[in-house]
Structure formats: C-alpha cells, structure tokens
Protein backbone atom coordinates (compact mmCIF):
# COMPACT_ATOMS: atom_id res chain seq x y z
CA MET A 1 5.39 49.19 -91.76
CA VAL A 2 1.79 48.99 -90.70
CA ASP A 3 -0.18 52.14 -91.54
CA LYS A 4 -2.74 53.32 -88.96
CA GLN A 5 -3.36 49.95 -87.37
CA GLN A 6 -3.56 48.71 -83.83
CA LEU A 7 -1.86 45.67 -82.38
CA ASN A 8 -4.14 43.80 -79.99
CA ILE A 9 -2.39 41.37 -77.66
CA VAL A 10 -4.64 38.99 -75.70
CA ILE A 11 -3.19 36.91 -72.87
CA PRO A 12 -5.34 34.52 -70.81
CA VAL A 13 -4.34 34.23 -67.15
CA TYR A 14 -5.78 31.65 -64.78
CA GLY A 15 -4.96 32.52 -61.16
CA LYS A 16 -2.81 35.26 -59.71
CA ASN A 17 0.29 33.05 -59.51
CA GLU A 18 0.85 33.12 -63.25
CA PRO A 19 4.10 35.05 -64.00
CA ILE A 20 2.29 37.59 -66.18
CA LYS A 21 4.55 40.48 -65.17
CA GLU A 22 7.66 38.60 -66.29
CA VAL A 23 5.93 37.65 -69.54
CA LEU A 24 4.94 41.25 -70.25
CA GLN A 25 8.59 42.25 -69.88
CA GLN A 26 9.47 39.88 -72.72
CA ILE A 27 7.33 41.79 -75.23
CA PRO A 28 9.65 43.69 -77.64
CA PHE A 29 7.84 47.02 -77.34
CA LYS A 30 10.58 49.04 -79.06
CA GLU A 31 10.35 47.04 -82.28
CA LEU A 32 6.54 46.91 -82.16
CA LYS A 33 6.17 50.66 -81.68
CA SER A 34 7.78 51.26 -85.07
CA ARG A 35 5.12 49.09 -86.73
CA PHE A 36 1.89 50.28 -85.10
CA ASN A 37 0.08 53.43 -84.09
CA GLY A 38 -0.93 51.87 -80.81
CA ILE A 39 -0.78 48.66 -78.80
CA ASN A 40 -3.66 47.30 -76.70
CA ILE A 41 -2.81 44.55 -74.24
CA GLN A 42 -5.67 42.67 -72.65
CA VAL A 43 -4.80 40.38 -69.77
CA VAL A 44 -7.96 38.30 -69.45
CA TYR A 45 -7.85 37.16 -65.85
CA THR A 46 -9.86 34.30 -64.35
CA PRO A 47 -9.44 33.90 -60.56
CA ARG A 48 -8.71 30.42 -59.24
CA GLU A 49 -10.25 31.29 -55.88
CA ASP A 50 -12.83 33.78 -54.59
CA GLY A 51 -11.30 37.08 -53.62
CA GLU A 52 -8.29 36.81 -55.90
CA LYS A 53 -7.32 40.00 -57.72
CA LEU A 54 -4.70 40.78 -60.32
CA THR A 55 -3.25 44.23 -60.96
CA ILE A 56 -0.56 45.29 -63.42
CA GLU A 57 1.11 48.62 -64.02
CA ASN A 58 1.66 50.16 -67.42
CA ASN A 59 5.26 51.36 -67.23
CA GLU A 60 5.74 51.72 -70.98
CA SER A 61 3.96 54.84 -72.27
CA GLU A 62 0.60 56.34 -73.12
CA TYR A 63 1.12 54.77 -76.52
CA ILE A 64 0.44 51.37 -74.94
CA ASN A 65 -2.93 50.59 -73.39
CA MET A 66 -2.44 47.76 -70.90
CA TYR A 67 -5.23 46.53 -68.67
CA VAL A 68 -6.68 43.54 -66.82
CA ARG A 69 -10.10 42.29 -67.88
CA GLU A 70 -11.62 39.97 -65.29
CA GLU A 71 -13.61 36.98 -66.56
CA ARG A 72 -15.06 34.79 -63.80
CA ARG A 73 -16.41 32.20 -66.22
CA ARG A 74 -13.71 29.58 -66.41
CA GLY A 75 -12.26 28.21 -69.60
CA TYR A 76 -9.38 28.82 -72.01
CA GLY A 77 -11.77 29.45 -74.88
CA GLN A 78 -14.02 31.61 -72.72
CA ALA A 79 -11.08 33.87 -71.88
CA TYR A 80 -10.21 34.33 -75.55
CA GLN A 81 -13.79 34.95 -76.60
CA THR A 82 -14.06 37.62 -73.90
CA GLY A 83 -10.86 39.25 -75.09
CA PHE A 84 -11.76 39.09 -78.78
CA SER A 85 -15.23 40.56 -78.21
CA SER A 86 -13.89 44.10 -77.76
CA ILE A 87 -11.50 44.07 -80.73
CA LYS A 88 -12.78 45.88 -83.83
CA GLU A 89 -9.69 46.36 -86.00
CA GLY A 90 -5.98 45.73 -86.46
CA ILE A 91 -3.92 42.64 -85.84
CA ILE A 92 -4.34 40.18 -82.98
CA ALA A 93 -1.52 38.33 -81.23
CA THR A 94 -1.98 35.72 -78.52
CA PHE A 95 0.24 33.66 -76.24
CA ASP A 96 0.15 32.04 -72.82
CA ALA A 97 1.21 33.67 -69.55
CA ASP A 98 3.84 31.07 -68.67
CA GLY A 99 6.84 32.25 -70.71
CA THR A 100 6.95 29.20 -72.99
CA TYR A 101 6.39 30.94 -76.34
CA PRO A 102 8.93 32.95 -78.40
CA ILE A 103 7.46 36.38 -77.68
CA ASP A 104 10.66 38.06 -78.86
CA MET A 105 9.80 36.89 -82.39
CA LEU A 106 6.52 38.84 -82.54
CA PRO A 107 7.87 41.58 -84.87
CA GLU A 108 9.07 39.00 -87.39
CA TYR A 109 5.79 37.09 -87.29
CA ILE A 110 3.77 40.29 -87.65
CA ASP A 111 5.81 41.33 -90.69
CA LYS A 112 4.69 38.14 -92.41
CA ILE A 113 1.07 39.19 -91.86
CA THR A 114 1.56 42.74 -93.08
CA SER A 115 4.06 42.14 -95.89
CA ASP A 116 3.62 38.56 -97.11
CA GLY A 117 -0.16 38.48 -97.38
CA ILE A 118 -0.65 35.83 -94.69
CA ASP A 119 -3.95 35.99 -92.80
CA PHE A 120 -3.31 33.65 -89.87
CA ILE A 121 -0.07 32.41 -88.33
CA SER A 122 0.15 29.63 -85.77
CA VAL A 123 3.51 29.16 -84.05
CA GLU A 124 4.29 25.46 -84.25
CA ARG A 125 6.10 23.95 -81.22
CA LEU A 126 6.73 20.32 -82.11
CA SER A 127 9.72 20.88 -84.40
CA ARG A 128 11.76 22.93 -81.94
CA TYR A 129 11.37 22.62 -78.20
CA GLU A 130 13.51 22.40 -75.09
CA GLU A 131 13.74 18.96 -73.52
CA GLU A 132 11.94 20.07 -70.34
CA ALA A 133 9.18 21.97 -72.16
CA PHE A 134 6.99 18.88 -72.64
CA SER A 135 6.37 15.88 -70.44
CA LYS A 136 6.30 12.62 -72.40
CA LYS A 137 2.55 12.42 -71.81
CA ASN A 138 1.89 15.95 -73.07
CA LEU A 139 4.14 15.50 -76.09
CA PHE A 140 2.35 12.28 -77.06
CA GLY A 141 -1.04 13.95 -76.55
CA ASN A 142 -0.14 16.91 -78.75
CA LYS A 143 1.10 14.68 -81.56
CA PHE A 144 -1.91 12.37 -81.31
CA LEU A 145 -4.47 15.20 -81.35
CA THR A 146 -2.68 16.86 -84.26
CA LYS A 147 -2.78 13.60 -86.20
CA MET A 148 -6.46 13.10 -85.42
CA THR A 149 -7.28 16.64 -86.55
CA ASN A 150 -5.47 16.12 -89.83
CA VAL A 151 -7.16 12.78 -90.51
CA LEU A 152 -10.66 13.98 -89.66
CA PHE A 153 -10.55 17.38 -91.38
CA ARG A 154 -7.93 16.88 -94.12
CA THR A 155 -5.76 19.62 -92.68
CA LYS A 156 -1.96 19.61 -92.65
CA PHE A 157 -1.23 20.96 -89.19
CA LYS A 158 2.11 20.29 -87.56
CA ASP A 159 0.79 21.41 -84.16
CA SER A 160 -2.96 21.73 -83.69
CA GLN A 161 -2.63 22.67 -80.00
CA SER A 162 -0.33 25.69 -80.15
CA GLY A 163 -1.48 28.74 -78.19
CA MET A 164 0.48 31.45 -80.01
CA TRP A 165 -1.34 32.95 -82.99
CA ILE A 166 -1.06 36.16 -85.00
CA PHE A 167 -3.92 37.03 -87.33
CA LYS A 168 -6.00 39.76 -88.91
CA SER A 169 -8.89 40.78 -86.67
CA SER A 170 -11.21 40.88 -89.70
CA LEU A 171 -11.17 37.07 -89.64
CA LEU A 172 -13.27 37.06 -86.47
CA ASP A 173 -16.30 38.03 -88.56
CA LYS A 174 -15.81 34.85 -90.62
CA PHE A 175 -15.09 32.45 -87.78
CA ASP A 176 -17.74 30.46 -85.93
CA LEU A 177 -16.14 30.11 -82.49
CA ASN A 178 -18.13 28.37 -79.77
CA CYS A 179 -15.75 26.35 -77.63
CA LYS A 180 -15.12 27.43 -74.04
CA GLY A 181 -12.31 25.10 -72.99
CA MET A 182 -8.92 23.98 -74.30
CA GLU A 183 -10.52 22.70 -77.49
CA PHE A 184 -10.80 26.35 -78.56
CA SER A 185 -7.21 26.17 -79.79
CA THR A 186 -8.14 23.44 -82.25
CA GLU A 187 -11.39 25.13 -83.22
CA ILE A 188 -9.81 28.45 -84.20
CA LYS A 189 -7.16 26.70 -86.33
CA ILE A 190 -9.73 24.61 -88.19
CA GLU A 191 -11.74 27.77 -88.81
CA ALA A 192 -8.62 29.59 -90.01
CA TRP A 193 -7.61 26.70 -92.28
CA LYS A 194 -11.00 26.64 -93.95
CA LYS A 195 -11.97 30.32 -93.98
CA SER A 196 -8.81 32.41 -94.29
CA ASN A 197 -7.12 33.06 -97.60
CA LYS A 198 -3.69 32.05 -96.34
CA PHE A 199 -2.94 30.00 -93.21
CA HIS A 200 0.67 29.45 -92.24
CA GLU A 201 2.50 27.59 -89.47
CA ILE A 202 5.91 28.87 -88.35
CA PRO A 203 8.22 26.83 -86.11
CA GLY A 204 9.13 28.56 -82.87
CA ILE A 205 11.25 27.46 -79.94
CA TYR A 206 9.01 26.24 -77.11
CA THR A 207 10.71 26.54 -73.72
CA LYS A 208 10.26 25.40 -70.14
CA ARG A 209 7.62 27.41 -68.27
CA ILE A 210 8.73 30.11 -65.86
CA ASP A 211 9.18 28.85 -62.30
CA GLY A 212 6.03 29.34 -60.24
CA SER A 213 3.68 29.02 -63.18
CA VAL A 214 0.84 26.59 -62.51
CA PRO A 215 -0.41 24.60 -65.55
CA ALA A 216 -4.07 25.16 -66.37
CA LEU A 217 -4.10 22.06 -68.58
CA ASN A 218 -5.40 18.77 -67.23
CA PRO A 219 -3.81 16.34 -69.72
CA TRP A 220 -6.37 13.54 -69.52
CA LYS A 221 -9.52 15.60 -68.97
CA ASP A 222 -8.67 18.23 -71.57
CA GLY A 223 -7.26 15.68 -73.99
CA PHE A 224 -10.50 13.69 -74.02
CA ARG A 225 -12.48 16.93 -74.26
CA ILE A 226 -10.53 17.95 -77.37
CA LEU A 227 -10.94 14.49 -78.91
CA ARG A 228 -14.68 14.56 -78.22
CA TYR A 229 -14.90 17.97 -79.90
CA LEU A 230 -13.08 16.68 -83.00
CA LEU A 231 -15.34 13.65 -83.34
CA LYS A 232 -18.51 15.63 -82.72
CA ARG A 233 -17.55 18.32 -85.24
CA ARG A 234 -16.70 15.69 -87.84
CA ILE A 235 -20.03 13.91 -87.38
CA ILE A 236 -21.95 17.19 -87.64
CA THR A 237 -20.00 18.05 -90.80
CA LEU A 238 -20.89 14.73 -92.41
CA PHE A 239 -24.59 15.10 -91.64
CA ARG A 240 -24.67 18.63 -93.05
CA ARG A 241 -23.32 17.34 -96.37
CA LYS A 242 -26.21 14.92 -96.78
C-alpha cells in the first residue's frame, strides 16, 4: 500500500467529442482508493474549434479531485507538459481519452511501481491488440518508429509510441522534455530509459477506440515529425560527444 502519496492522472483531450466521460467511468476507483490518500485527475482539454467547452462532473467523492484544465496551445506534448507542470509529488498515470488502453489494470501497474522498485512503466501495445485497434498503416508506422528508436539510441523498446505510462513524479526533475507534438511520447521514453533507475515495459491489451472518438493522430504528418525528431536528437547527441 502506498503511504501518504497522491495519484495524479493526466488525460489529454482534443475536442469535445472525445468520449472522456466513458473513459473516466473505466477507472477502477475502488481499488485505487485503497492505495492512495487522494487522487487528482487532470483532463487537459484543447478545443478543436473556437467556443468549444468541456465540463465534467465529479460523482465519486471529495477524496477525488477531478477537473478540466484548458490548454489552447495545440499539441499532444503541450497538453502533457501543461498537466505535469502542476504536479509536485506522488505517482503519475497517463492514457488517452479514446478507451483503447487497459485502464482497469492501473492498480496492478501501480503496485509494480510501489512494490517492485520500478520507476517508469510503459504499457506496450504491439504484443497484444485487437484486430481493429490498428490500421495496417498505423501498425507499420509504430513498428518502424520503434525500430528506428532502438537503432539510433540503443534502447530495447517494444513499443516506443505507447501513450499509457505510470511513473514516479520525481523523475520530472531529471527529464529534459521539450517536444510539443506526438513525438513527446518517444521523448519521454528515451529520457526514462536513460535517466530512471528502472524502466519497464508491460504488455497490455490495446482495443478498438470508443465509437465517436476522433483520432488526433495524422499518420503521415506525425510519423515524419517523430522521425525528424529522432534523427535530430541523434545528430545533436553525436556532436555533444565530440
């Protein structure tokens, strides 16, 4: 059991049509309450259009602090950096607002952080996924970018693009996080691989997104952006060694 710690859940939401309310209902609050003294849930909301607003109701208890934090600057990484900026202690958990990640497994993943001495967990999707969870193009892109990351940085990732992480908030002081777009997912894993004491990937079942959810990912645009980030970071790393 976690003694006098907070659980900080950060969920990026792009546009009011994301099924965030359904996703929040998947969180196993009963099991989490027995492990923490409090749960903070930040829904970092970026409007797709001017005038859009998102509101959620906290129907759980005073024990759970649930709120929407609006971030008009667009970008997957920007949303996470905004959410992380207010976290000072405890454990951080992240996942997307489309219902694709195994949120019901959060208690088990968190126990590995608190009991097994792991600093950073990334939930790996490419070993176990539903047939409709990935398009052929997205599946190829994920495997290709993971391979490129491993070749360029001598990592051993199975899934460099996963968006579900559980880690100690103290790591944020060690990380140098600058990316604003989808490449943030790769950046934080490289930082965790190099700067945490124990990085671990856990396979989790990746499922089809909830009906009505609109993908924020642009496969070609974001894929090239991630590849450009990898190459640029590798070149900078080589020059710094000289």
